[in-house]
PDB file of N, CA and C in Angstrom:
ATOM      1  N   MET A   1      68.643   1.056  36.764  1.00  0.00           N
ATOM      2  CA  MET A   1      67.697   0.627  37.784  1.00  0.00           C
ATOM      3  C   MET A   1      67.595  -0.887  37.762  1.00  0.00           C
ATOM      4  N   GLN A   2      67.582  -1.471  38.905  1.00  0.00           N
ATOM      5  CA  GLN A   2      67.474  -2.916  39.046  1.00  0.00           C
ATOM      6  C   GLN A   2      66.036  -3.369  38.805  1.00  0.00           C
ATOM      7  N   ASP A   3      65.878  -4.525  38.183  1.00  0.00           N
ATOM      8  CA  ASP A   3      64.547  -5.077  37.928  1.00  0.00           C
ATOM      9  C   ASP A   3      63.750  -5.240  39.213  1.00  0.00           C
ATOM     10  N   LEU A   4      64.413  -5.725  40.255  1.00  0.00           N
ATOM     11  CA  LEU A   4      63.720  -5.960  41.520  1.00  0.00           C
ATOM     12  C   LEU A   4      63.186  -4.675  42.125  1.00  0.00           C
ATOM     13  N   GLU A   5      63.856  -3.550  41.859  1.00  0.00           N
ATOM     14  CA  GLU A   5      63.389  -2.270  42.382  1.00  0.00           C
ATOM     15  C   GLU A   5      62.027  -1.915  41.800  1.00  0.00           C
ATOM     16  N   ILE A   6      61.831  -2.176  40.536  1.00  0.00           N
ATOM     17  CA  ILE A   6      60.556  -1.861  39.891  1.00  0.00           C
ATOM     18  C   ILE A   6      59.443  -2.691  40.522  1.00  0.00           C
ATOM     19  N   ASN A   7      59.664  -3.979  40.647  1.00  0.00           N
ATOM     20  CA  ASN A   7      58.648  -4.852  41.232  1.00  0.00           C
ATOM     21  C   ASN A   7      58.385  -4.480  42.686  1.00  0.00           C
ATOM     22  N   SER A   8      59.441  -4.177  43.427  1.00  0.00           N
ATOM     23  CA  SER A   8      59.292  -3.786  44.830  1.00  0.00           C
ATOM     24  C   SER A   8      58.539  -2.473  44.949  1.00  0.00           C
ATOM     25  N   ARG A   9      58.812  -1.551  44.029  1.00  0.00           N
ATOM     26  CA  ARG A   9      58.122  -0.246  44.050  1.00  0.00           C
ATOM     27  C   ARG A   9      56.631  -0.435  43.808  1.00  0.00           C
ATOM     28  N   ILE A  10      56.269  -1.292  42.902  1.00  0.00           N
ATOM     29  CA  ILE A  10      54.845  -1.571  42.647  1.00  0.00           C
ATOM     30  C   ILE A  10      54.210  -2.156  43.896  1.00  0.00           C
ATOM     31  N   ARG A  11      54.863  -3.135  44.470  1.00  0.00           N
ATOM     32  CA  ARG A  11      54.348  -3.765  45.694  1.00  0.00           C
ATOM     33  C   ARG A  11      54.187  -2.722  46.812  1.00  0.00           C
ATOM     34  N   GLN A  12      55.189  -1.854  46.962  1.00  0.00           N
ATOM     35  CA  GLN A  12      55.156  -0.813  47.988  1.00  0.00           C
ATOM     36  C   GLN A  12      53.985   0.145  47.763  1.00  0.00           C
ATOM     37  N   LEU A  13      53.798   0.590  46.526  1.00  0.00           N
ATOM     38  CA  LEU A  13      52.718   1.545  46.233  1.00  0.00           C
ATOM     39  C   LEU A  13      51.342   0.935  46.465  1.00  0.00           C
ATOM     40  N   ILE A  14      51.170  -0.321  46.077  1.00  0.00           N
ATOM     41  CA  ILE A  14      49.881  -0.983  46.306  1.00  0.00           C
ATOM     42  C   ILE A  14      49.579  -1.008  47.797  1.00  0.00           C
ATOM     43  N   THR A  15      50.574  -1.353  48.585  1.00  0.00           N
ATOM     44  CA  THR A  15      50.402  -1.407  50.043  1.00  0.00           C
ATOM     45  C   THR A  15      50.176  -0.017  50.621  1.00  0.00           C
ATOM     46  N   ASP A  16      51.026   0.950  50.224  1.00  0.00           N
ATOM     47  CA  ASP A  16      50.932   2.313  50.763  1.00  0.00           C
ATOM     48  C   ASP A  16      49.589   2.963  50.459  1.00  0.00           C
ATOM     49  N   LYS A  17      49.040   2.670  49.294  1.00  0.00           N
ATOM     50  CA  LYS A  17      47.772   3.284  48.890  1.00  0.00           C
ATOM     51  C   LYS A  17      46.570   2.527  49.465  1.00  0.00           C
ATOM     52  N   GLY A  18      46.828   1.418  50.146  1.00  0.00           N
ATOM     53  CA  GLY A  18      45.757   0.682  50.800  1.00  0.00           C
ATOM     54  C   GLY A  18      44.936  -0.210  49.881  1.00  0.00           C
ATOM     55  N   TYR A  19      45.524  -0.636  48.781  1.00  0.00           N
ATOM     56  CA  TYR A  19      44.826  -1.506  47.841  1.00  0.00           C
ATOM     57  C   TYR A  19      45.317  -2.938  47.986  1.00  0.00           C
ATOM     58  N   THR A  20      44.547  -3.833  47.444  1.00  0.00           N
ATOM     59  CA  THR A  20      44.979  -5.216  47.322  1.00  0.00           C
ATOM     60  C   THR A  20      45.297  -5.482  45.861  1.00  0.00           C
ATOM     61  N   ILE A  21      46.032  -6.542  45.624  1.00  0.00           N
ATOM     62  CA  ILE A  21      46.339  -6.918  44.243  1.00  0.00           C
ATOM     63  C   ILE A  21      45.045  -7.261  43.510  1.00  0.00           C
ATOM     64  N   TYR A  22      44.116  -7.865  44.214  1.00  0.00           N
ATOM     65  CA  TYR A  22      42.832  -8.211  43.608  1.00  0.00           C
ATOM     66  C   TYR A  22      42.098  -6.949  43.162  1.00  0.00           C
ATOM     67  N   GLN A  23      42.061  -5.908  44.007  1.00  0.00           N
ATOM     68  CA  GLN A  23      41.390  -4.655  43.636  1.00  0.00           C
ATOM     69  C   GLN A  23      42.043  -4.043  42.401  1.00  0.00           C
ATOM     70  N   LEU A  24      43.359  -4.013  42.393  1.00  0.00           N
ATOM     71  CA  LEU A  24      44.082  -3.468  41.251  1.00  0.00           C
ATOM     72  C   LEU A  24      43.729  -4.240  39.991  1.00  0.00           C
ATOM     73  N   SER A  25      43.701  -5.560  40.085  1.00  0.00           N
ATOM     74  CA  SER A  25      43.358  -6.394  38.938  1.00  0.00           C
ATOM     75  C   SER A  25      41.951  -6.109  38.444  1.00  0.00           C
ATOM     76  N   LYS A  26      41.017  -6.090  39.359  1.00  0.00           N
ATOM     77  CA  LYS A  26      39.615  -5.914  38.996  1.00  0.00           C
ATOM     78  C   LYS A  26      39.356  -4.545  38.367  1.00  0.00           C
ATOM     79  N   GLU A  27      39.930  -3.503  38.958  1.00  0.00           N
ATOM     80  CA  GLU A  27      39.651  -2.143  38.503  1.00  0.00           C
ATOM     81  C   GLU A  27      40.506  -1.716  37.311  1.00  0.00           C
ATOM     82  N   SER A  28      41.615  -2.381  37.076  1.00  0.00           N
ATOM     83  CA  SER A  28      42.488  -1.994  35.966  1.00  0.00           C
ATOM     84  C   SER A  28      42.401  -2.946  34.778  1.00  0.00           C
ATOM     85  N   SER A  29      41.738  -4.077  34.962  1.00  0.00           N
ATOM     86  CA  SER A  29      41.633  -5.119  33.927  1.00  0.00           C
ATOM     87  C   SER A  29      42.964  -5.792  33.615  1.00  0.00           C
ATOM     88  N   ILE A  30      43.907  -5.687  34.521  1.00  0.00           N
ATOM     89  CA  ILE A  30      45.160  -6.434  34.382  1.00  0.00           C
ATOM     90  C   ILE A  30      44.909  -7.795  35.016  1.00  0.00           C
ATOM     91  N   PRO A  31      45.176  -8.877  34.291  1.00  0.00           N
ATOM     92  CA  PRO A  31      44.922 -10.202  34.871  1.00  0.00           C
ATOM     93  C   PRO A  31      45.637 -10.390  36.206  1.00  0.00           C
ATOM     94  N   LEU A  32      44.953 -11.016  37.125  1.00  0.00           N
ATOM     95  CA  LEU A  32      45.508 -11.266  38.451  1.00  0.00           C
ATOM     96  C   LEU A  32      46.813 -12.059  38.352  1.00  0.00           C
ATOM     97  N   SER A  33      46.852 -13.013  37.437  1.00  0.00           N
ATOM     98  CA  SER A  33      48.073 -13.812  37.271  1.00  0.00           C
ATOM     99  C   SER A  33      49.253 -12.937  36.839  1.00  0.00           C
ATOM    100  N   THR A  34      48.987 -11.944  36.009  1.00  0.00           N
ATOM    101  CA  THR A  34      50.040 -11.014  35.580  1.00  0.00           C
ATOM    102  C   THR A  34      50.555 -10.215  36.767  1.00  0.00           C
ATOM    103  N   LEU A  35      49.640  -9.696  37.577  1.00  0.00           N
ATOM    104  CA  LEU A  35      50.045  -8.910  38.742  1.00  0.00           C
ATOM    105  C   LEU A  35      50.836  -9.752  39.732  1.00  0.00           C
ATOM    106  N   TYR A  36      50.399 -10.977  39.978  1.00  0.00           N
ATOM    107  CA  TYR A  36      51.145 -11.835  40.896  1.00  0.00           C
ATOM    108  C   TYR A  36      52.530 -12.152  40.341  1.00  0.00           C
ATOM    109  N   GLY A  37      52.629 -12.319  39.039  1.00  0.00           N
ATOM    110  CA  GLY A  37      53.937 -12.554  38.427  1.00  0.00           C
ATOM    111  C   GLY A  37      54.866 -11.363  38.604  1.00  0.00           C
ATOM    112  N   ILE A  38      54.307 -10.163  38.516  1.00  0.00           N
ATOM    113  CA  ILE A  38      55.097  -8.952  38.719  1.00  0.00           C
ATOM    114  C   ILE A  38      55.495  -8.817  40.187  1.00  0.00           C
ATOM    115  N   ILE A  39      54.520  -8.947  41.066  1.00  0.00           N
ATOM    116  CA  ILE A  39      54.756  -8.783  42.502  1.00  0.00           C
ATOM    117  C   ILE A  39      55.770  -9.807  43.024  1.00  0.00           C
ATOM    118  N   ASN A  40      55.727 -11.006  42.487  1.00  0.00           N
ATOM    119  CA  ASN A  40      56.630 -12.074  42.941  1.00  0.00           C
ATOM    120  C   ASN A  40      57.917 -12.156  42.139  1.00  0.00           C
ATOM    121  N   ASN A  41      58.214 -11.094  41.394  1.00  0.00           N
ATOM    122  CA  ASN A  41      59.471 -10.984  40.645  1.00  0.00           C
ATOM    123  C   ASN A  41      59.676 -12.077  39.606  1.00  0.00           C
ATOM    124  N   VAL A  42      58.584 -12.599  39.068  1.00  0.00           N
ATOM    125  CA  VAL A  42      58.694 -13.598  38.001  1.00  0.00           C
ATOM    126  C   VAL A  42      59.065 -12.897  36.695  1.00  0.00           C
ATOM    127  N   TYR A  43      58.482 -11.727  36.471  1.00  0.00           N
ATOM    128  CA  TYR A  43      58.812 -10.930  35.302  1.00  0.00           C
ATOM    129  C   TYR A  43      58.498  -9.465  35.550  1.00  0.00           C
ATOM    130  N   LEU A  44      59.044  -8.612  34.681  1.00  0.00           N
ATOM    131  CA  LEU A  44      58.817  -7.173  34.770  1.00  0.00           C
ATOM    132  C   LEU A  44      57.528  -6.799  34.040  1.00  0.00           C
ATOM    133  N   PRO A  45      56.878  -5.723  34.477  1.00  0.00           N
ATOM    134  CA  PRO A  45      55.693  -5.280  33.750  1.00  0.00           C
ATOM    135  C   PRO A  45      56.101  -4.626  32.428  1.00  0.00           C
ATOM    136  N   SER A  46      55.237  -4.728  31.448  1.00  0.00           N
ATOM    137  CA  SER A  46      55.461  -3.983  30.213  1.00  0.00           C
ATOM    138  C   SER A  46      55.233  -2.507  30.517  1.00  0.00           C
ATOM    139  N   ILE A  47      55.676  -1.647  29.629  1.00  0.00           N
ATOM    140  CA  ILE A  47      55.447  -0.206  29.808  1.00  0.00           C
ATOM    141  C   ILE A  47      53.948   0.068  29.892  1.00  0.00           C
ATOM    142  N   HIS A  48      53.183  -0.573  29.025  1.00  0.00           N
ATOM    143  CA  HIS A  48      51.728  -0.385  29.019  1.00  0.00           C
ATOM    144  C   HIS A  48      51.121  -0.778  30.369  1.00  0.00           C
ATOM    145  N   THR A  49      51.531  -1.907  30.897  1.00  0.00           N
ATOM    146  CA  THR A  49      51.026  -2.356  32.199  1.00  0.00           C
ATOM    147  C   THR A  49      51.452  -1.397  33.298  1.00  0.00           C
ATOM    148  N   LEU A  50      52.690  -0.936  33.246  1.00  0.00           N
ATOM    149  CA  LEU A  50      53.172  -0.002  34.258  1.00  0.00           C
ATOM    150  C   LEU A  50      52.400   1.309  34.215  1.00  0.00           C
ATOM    151  N   ILE A  51      52.072   1.783  33.031  1.00  0.00           N
ATOM    152  CA  ILE A  51      51.268   3.006  32.887  1.00  0.00           C
ATOM    153  C   ILE A  51      49.900   2.806  33.536  1.00  0.00           C
ATOM    154  N   ILE A  52      49.278   1.668  33.293  1.00  0.00           N
ATOM    155  CA  ILE A  52      47.970   1.379  33.884  1.00  0.00           C
ATOM    156  C   ILE A  52      48.067   1.326  35.404  1.00  0.00           C
ATOM    157  N   ILE A  53      49.085   0.679  35.916  1.00  0.00           N
ATOM    158  CA  ILE A  53      49.273   0.572  37.364  1.00  0.00           C
ATOM    159  C   ILE A  53      49.468   1.961  37.969  1.00  0.00           C
ATOM    160  N   CYS A  54      50.326   2.766  37.362  1.00  0.00           N
ATOM    161  CA  CYS A  54      50.576   4.118  37.874  1.00  0.00           C
ATOM    162  C   CYS A  54      49.309   4.964  37.838  1.00  0.00           C
ATOM    163  N   LYS A  55      48.559   4.845  36.760  1.00  0.00           N
ATOM    164  CA  LYS A  55      47.316   5.621  36.664  1.00  0.00           C
ATOM    165  C   LYS A  55      46.343   5.206  37.764  1.00  0.00           C
ATOM    166  N   PHE A  56      46.201   3.918  37.994  1.00  0.00           N
ATOM    167  CA  PHE A  56      45.304   3.418  39.034  1.00  0.00           C
ATOM    168  C   PHE A  56      45.745   3.922  40.409  1.00  0.00           C
ATOM    169  N   LEU A  57      47.048   3.947  40.646  1.00  0.00           N
ATOM    170  CA  LEU A  57      47.577   4.345  41.943  1.00  0.00           C
ATOM    171  C   LEU A  57      47.773   5.857  42.068  1.00  0.00           C
ATOM    172  N   ASN A  58      47.406   6.590  41.018  1.00  0.00           N
ATOM    173  CA  ASN A  58      47.503   8.051  41.000  1.00  0.00           C
ATOM    174  C   ASN A  58      48.943   8.524  41.230  1.00  0.00           C
ATOM    175  N   VAL A  59      49.861   7.879  40.500  1.00  0.00           N
ATOM    176  CA  VAL A  59      51.277   8.217  40.568  1.00  0.00           C
ATOM    177  C   VAL A  59      51.766   8.376  39.134  1.00  0.00           C
ATOM    178  N   SER A  60      52.454   9.466  38.855  1.00  0.00           N
ATOM    179  CA  SER A  60      53.000   9.644  37.511  1.00  0.00           C
ATOM    180  C   SER A  60      54.172   8.696  37.316  1.00  0.00           C
ATOM    181  N   MET A  61      54.513   8.455  36.073  1.00  0.00           N
ATOM    182  CA  MET A  61      55.674   7.609  35.788  1.00  0.00           C
ATOM    183  C   MET A  61      56.935   8.246  36.375  1.00  0.00           C
ATOM    184  N   GLY A  62      57.025   9.566  36.301  1.00  0.00           N
ATOM    185  CA  GLY A  62      58.171  10.264  36.873  1.00  0.00           C
ATOM    186  C   GLY A  62      58.291  10.029  38.363  1.00  0.00           C
ATOM    187  N   GLU A  63      57.162  10.160  39.065  1.00  0.00           N
ATOM    188  CA  GLU A  63      57.157   9.924  40.508  1.00  0.00           C
ATOM    189  C   GLU A  63      57.522   8.473  40.818  1.00  0.00           C
ATOM    190  N   PHE A  64      56.992   7.568  40.009  1.00  0.00           N
ATOM    191  CA  PHE A  64      57.275   6.155  40.219  1.00  0.00           C
ATOM    192  C   PHE A  64      58.777   5.903  40.178  1.00  0.00           C
ATOM    193  N   PHE A  65      59.432   6.373  39.117  1.00  0.00           N
ATOM    194  CA  PHE A  65      60.845   6.089  38.962  1.00  0.00           C
ATOM    195  C   PHE A  65      61.726   6.958  39.854  1.00  0.00           C
ATOM    196  N   LEU A  66      61.303   8.160  40.145  1.00  0.00           N
ATOM    197  CA  LEU A  66      62.076   9.009  41.039  1.00  0.00           C
ATOM    198  C   LEU A  66      62.152   8.400  42.421  1.00  0.00           C
ATOM    199  N   GLU A  67      61.023   7.992  42.937  1.00  0.00           N
ATOM    200  CA  GLU A  67      60.995   7.367  44.254  1.00  0.00           C
ATOM    201  C   GLU A  67      61.744   6.040  44.231  1.00  0.00           C
ATOM    202  N   CYS A  68      61.617   5.349  43.142  1.00  0.00           N
ATOM    203  CA  CYS A  68      62.246   4.034  43.020  1.00  0.00           C
ATOM    204  C   CYS A  68      63.768   4.155  43.048  1.00  0.00           C
ATOM    205  N   CYS A  69      64.283   5.173  42.436  1.00  0.00           N
ATOM    206  CA  CYS A  69      65.729   5.285  42.279  1.00  0.00           C
ATOM    207  C   CYS A  69      66.407   6.144  43.327  1.00  0.00           C
ATOM    208  N   SER A  70      65.719   7.140  43.841  1.00  0.00           N
ATOM    209  CA  SER A  70      66.376   8.075  44.746  1.00  0.00           C
ATOM    210  C   SER A  70      65.403   8.563  45.797  1.00  0.00           C
ATOM    211  N   ALA A  71      64.961   7.669  46.621  1.00  0.00           N
ATOM    212  CA  ALA A  71      63.899   7.970  47.581  1.00  0.00           C
ATOM    213  C   ALA A  71      64.197   9.174  48.440  1.00  0.00           C
ATOM    214  N   GLY A  72      65.411   9.357  48.909  1.00  0.00           N
ATOM    215  CA  GLY A  72      65.680  10.445  49.815  1.00  0.00           C
ATOM    216  C   GLY A  72      66.172  11.719  49.154  1.00  0.00           C
ATOM    217  N   SER A  73      66.479  11.701  47.866  1.00  0.00           N
ATOM    218  CA  SER A  73      67.132  12.846  47.256  1.00  0.00           C
ATOM    219  C   SER A  73      66.180  13.801  46.552  1.00  0.00           C
ATOM    220  N   PHE A  74      64.908  13.562  46.568  1.00  0.00           N
ATOM    221  CA  PHE A  74      63.957  14.414  45.873  1.00  0.00           C
ATOM    222  C   PHE A  74      63.137  15.181  46.892  1.00  0.00           C
ATOM    223  N   TYR A  75      63.076  16.481  46.711  1.00  0.00           N
ATOM    224  CA  TYR A  75      62.351  17.310  47.663  1.00  0.00           C
ATOM    225  C   TYR A  75      61.426  18.252  46.917  1.00  0.00           C
ATOM    226  N   LEU A  76      60.191  18.370  47.390  1.00  0.00           N
ATOM    227  CA  LEU A  76      59.249  19.350  46.878  1.00  0.00           C
ATOM    228  C   LEU A  76      59.007  20.377  47.965  1.00  0.00           C
ATOM    229  N   SER A  77      59.017  21.633  47.566  1.00  0.00           N
ATOM    230  CA  SER A  77      58.686  22.684  48.524  1.00  0.00           C
ATOM    231  C   SER A  77      57.187  22.604  48.818  1.00  0.00           C
ATOM    232  N   PRO A  78      56.731  23.210  49.899  1.00  0.00           N
ATOM    233  CA  PRO A  78      55.293  23.219  50.186  1.00  0.00           C
ATOM    234  C   PRO A  78      54.474  23.793  49.027  1.00  0.00           C
ATOM    235  N   SER A  79      55.012  24.809  48.378  1.00  0.00           N
ATOM    236  CA  SER A  79      54.315  25.409  47.230  1.00  0.00           C
ATOM    237  C   SER A  79      54.193  24.416  46.076  1.00  0.00           C
ATOM    238  N   GLU A  80      55.270  23.664  45.807  1.00  0.00           N
ATOM    239  CA  GLU A  80      55.236  22.666  44.744  1.00  0.00           C
ATOM    240  C   GLU A  80      54.257  21.544  45.078  1.00  0.00           C
ATOM    241  N   GLU A  81      54.242  21.118  46.324  1.00  0.00           N
ATOM    242  CA  GLU A  81      53.285  20.090  46.741  1.00  0.00           C
ATOM    243  C   GLU A  81      51.858  20.572  46.535  1.00  0.00           C
ATOM    244  N   GLN A  82      51.594  21.839  46.861  1.00  0.00           N
ATOM    245  CA  GLN A  82      50.258  22.411  46.668  1.00  0.00           C
ATOM    246  C   GLN A  82      49.895  22.432  45.185  1.00  0.00           C
ATOM    247  N   HIS A  83      50.856  22.773  44.340  1.00  0.00           N
ATOM    248  CA  HIS A  83      50.596  22.796  42.895  1.00  0.00           C
ATOM    249  C   HIS A  83      50.219  21.403  42.390  1.00  0.00           C
ATOM    250  N   ILE A  84      50.954  20.415  42.838  1.00  0.00           N
ATOM    251  CA  ILE A  84      50.663  19.040  42.424  1.00  0.00           C
ATOM    252  C   ILE A  84      49.292  18.609  42.920  1.00  0.00           C
ATOM    253  N   PHE A  85      48.985  18.923  44.162  1.00  0.00           N
ATOM    254  CA  PHE A  85      47.666  18.587  44.721  1.00  0.00           C
ATOM    255  C   PHE A  85      46.551  19.226  43.893  1.00  0.00           C
ATOM    256  N   LEU A  86      46.693  20.506  43.596  1.00  0.00           N
ATOM    257  CA  LEU A  86      45.670  21.202  42.805  1.00  0.00           C
ATOM    258  C   LEU A  86      45.589  20.647  41.387  1.00  0.00           C
ATOM    259  N   TYR A  87      46.740  20.367  40.798  1.00  0.00           N
ATOM    260  CA  TYR A  87      46.784  19.825  39.446  1.00  0.00           C
ATOM    261  C   TYR A  87      46.016  18.505  39.362  1.00  0.00           C
ATOM    262  N   ARG A  88      46.217  17.664  40.359  1.00  0.00           N
ATOM    263  CA  ARG A  88      45.550  16.364  40.368  1.00  0.00           C
ATOM    264  C   ARG A  88      44.054  16.463  40.627  1.00  0.00           C
ATOM    265  N   SER A  89      43.607  17.591  41.121  1.00  0.00           N
ATOM    266  CA  SER A  89      42.192  17.736  41.454  1.00  0.00           C
ATOM    267  C   SER A  89      41.355  18.285  40.300  1.00  0.00           C
ATOM    268  N   ILE A  90      42.001  18.645  39.201  1.00  0.00           N
ATOM    269  CA  ILE A  90      41.254  19.209  38.072  1.00  0.00           C
ATOM    270  C   ILE A  90      41.122  18.183  36.946  1.00  0.00           C
ATOM    271  N   SER A  91      40.264  18.496  36.006  1.00  0.00           N
ATOM    272  CA  SER A  91      39.996  17.568  34.897  1.00  0.00           C
ATOM    273  C   SER A  91      41.229  17.406  34.010  1.00  0.00           C
ATOM    274  N   SER A  92      41.270  16.304  33.292  1.00  0.00           N
ATOM    275  CA  SER A  92      42.402  16.052  32.393  1.00  0.00           C
ATOM    276  C   SER A  92      42.461  17.100  31.278  1.00  0.00           C
ATOM    277  N   ARG A  93      41.334  17.630  30.874  1.00  0.00           N
ATOM    278  CA  ARG A  93      41.302  18.684  29.853  1.00  0.00           C
ATOM    279  C   ARG A  93      42.041  19.912  30.363  1.00  0.00           C
ATOM    280  N   LEU A  94      41.753  20.310  31.592  1.00  0.00           N
ATOM    281  CA  LEU A  94      42.446  21.462  32.168  1.00  0.00           C
ATOM    282  C   LEU A  94      43.914  21.150  32.428  1.00  0.00           C
ATOM    283  N   GLN A  95      44.218  19.912  32.814  1.00  0.00           N
ATOM    284  CA  GLN A  95      45.617  19.526  32.998  1.00  0.00           C
ATOM    285  C   GLN A  95      46.391  19.680  31.692  1.00  0.00           C
ATOM    286  N   ASN A  96      45.765  19.304  30.585  1.00  0.00           N
ATOM    287  CA  ASN A  96      46.419  19.446  29.282  1.00  0.00           C
ATOM    288  C   ASN A  96      46.706  20.907  28.966  1.00  0.00           C
ATOM    289  N   HIS A  97      45.782  21.803  29.282  1.00  0.00           N
ATOM    290  CA  HIS A  97      45.999  23.232  29.065  1.00  0.00           C
ATOM    291  C   HIS A  97      47.171  23.734  29.905  1.00  0.00           C
ATOM    292  N   ILE A  98      47.229  23.293  31.147  1.00  0.00           N
ATOM    293  CA  ILE A  98      48.335  23.700  32.019  1.00  0.00           C
ATOM    294  C   ILE A  98      49.654  23.171  31.484  1.00  0.00           C
ATOM    295  N   ASP A  99      49.667  21.924  31.032  1.00  0.00           N
ATOM    296  CA  ASP A  99      50.884  21.343  30.460  1.00  0.00           C
ATOM    297  C   ASP A  99      51.377  22.173  29.274  1.00  0.00           C
ATOM    298  N   GLU A 100      50.457  22.531  28.393  1.00  0.00           N
ATOM    299  CA  GLU A 100      50.819  23.329  27.217  1.00  0.00           C
ATOM    300  C   GLU A 100      51.357  24.692  27.626  1.00  0.00           C
ATOM    301  N   TYR A 101      50.718  25.310  28.609  1.00  0.00           N
ATOM    302  CA  TYR A 101      51.147  26.620  29.090  1.00  0.00           C
ATOM    303  C   TYR A 101      52.545  26.551  29.706  1.00  0.00           C
ATOM    304  N   LEU A 102      52.795  25.521  30.514  1.00  0.00           N
ATOM    305  CA  LEU A 102      54.109  25.374  31.133  1.00  0.00           C
ATOM    306  C   LEU A 102      55.201  25.151  30.085  1.00  0.00           C
ATOM    307  N   LEU A 103      54.897  24.365  29.057  1.00  0.00           N
ATOM    308  CA  LEU A 103      55.869  24.164  27.981  1.00  0.00           C
ATOM    309  C   LEU A 103      56.171  25.478  27.264  1.00  0.00           C
ATOM    310  N   LEU A 104      55.134  26.268  27.026  1.00  0.00           N
ATOM    311  CA  LEU A 104      55.310  27.568  26.386  1.00  0.00           C
ATOM    312  C   LEU A 104      56.173  28.482  27.255  1.00  0.00           C
ATOM    313  N   LEU A 105      55.903  28.506  28.554  1.00  0.00           N
ATOM    314  CA  LEU A 105      56.721  29.309  29.470  1.00  0.00           C
ATOM    315  C   LEU A 105      58.179  28.849  29.463  1.00  0.00           C
ATOM    316  N   ALA A 106      58.396  27.547  29.478  1.00  0.00           N
ATOM    317  CA  ALA A 106      59.760  27.017  29.478  1.00  0.00           C
ATOM    318  C   ALA A 106      60.487  27.383  28.182  1.00  0.00           C
ATOM    319  N   GLU A 107      59.796  27.284  27.064  1.00  0.00           N
ATOM    320  CA  GLU A 107      60.403  27.648  25.780  1.00  0.00           C
ATOM    321  C   GLU A 107      60.731  29.138  25.734  1.00  0.00           C
ATOM    322  N   THR A 108      59.818  29.956  26.242  1.00  0.00           N
ATOM    323  CA  THR A 108      60.046  31.406  26.279  1.00  0.00           C
ATOM    324  C   THR A 108      61.242  31.729  27.158  1.00  0.00           C
ATOM    325  N   ASN A 109      61.317  31.096  28.301  1.00  0.00           N
ATOM    326  CA  ASN A 109      62.432  31.323  29.218  1.00  0.00           C
ATOM    327  C   ASN A 109      63.756  30.876  28.589  1.00  0.00           C
ATOM    328  N   ALA A 110      63.729  29.735  27.928  1.00  0.00           N
ATOM    329  CA  ALA A 110      64.949  29.235  27.295  1.00  0.00           C
ATOM    330  C   ALA A 110      65.429  30.167  26.191  1.00  0.00           C
ATOM    331  N   SER A 111      64.498  30.700  25.402  1.00  0.00           N
ATOM    332  CA  SER A 111      64.894  31.589  24.308  1.00  0.00           C
ATOM    333  C   SER A 111      65.446  32.916  24.811  1.00  0.00           C
ATOM    334  N   LYS A 112      65.019  33.358  25.980  1.00  0.00           N
ATOM    335  CA  LYS A 112      65.529  34.595  26.572  1.00  0.00           C
ATOM    336  C   LYS A 112      66.979  34.433  27.023  1.00  0.00           C
ATOM    337  N   HIS A 113      67.370  33.185  27.329  1.00  0.00           N
ATOM    338  CA  HIS A 113      68.718  32.935  27.866  1.00  0.00           C
ATOM    339  C   HIS A 113      69.712  32.467  26.800  1.00  0.00           C
ATOM    340  N   GLU A 114      69.300  32.476  25.556  1.00  0.00           N
ATOM    341  CA  GLU A 114      70.212  32.041  24.480  1.00  0.00           C
ATOM    342  C   GLU A 114      71.095  33.151  24.024  1.00  0.00           C
TER     343      GLU A 114
END
């Protein structure tokens, strides 16, 4: 992935979500100078900063990089979109339970196919 793609993706998400760089700075505690440096391609965000930005913009790291790298090649069915919508609407405690359950299902499925 190109460095400029990461910075452009951040800029795109801020705009698409209807935020300003100032709002992101104020609500995330990321210094405004840091955000402007990222937006203007002066430097790349650290992983920690990128996690904070994604959390503020309600985008997972996976979604961030998937869209960044292959905008047209990723498709969610209507059912999958509904699952994501519902998942995002519940508490983080319940999300953790769902994550654990899905991992258990995946492990069970994998062991059946060995």
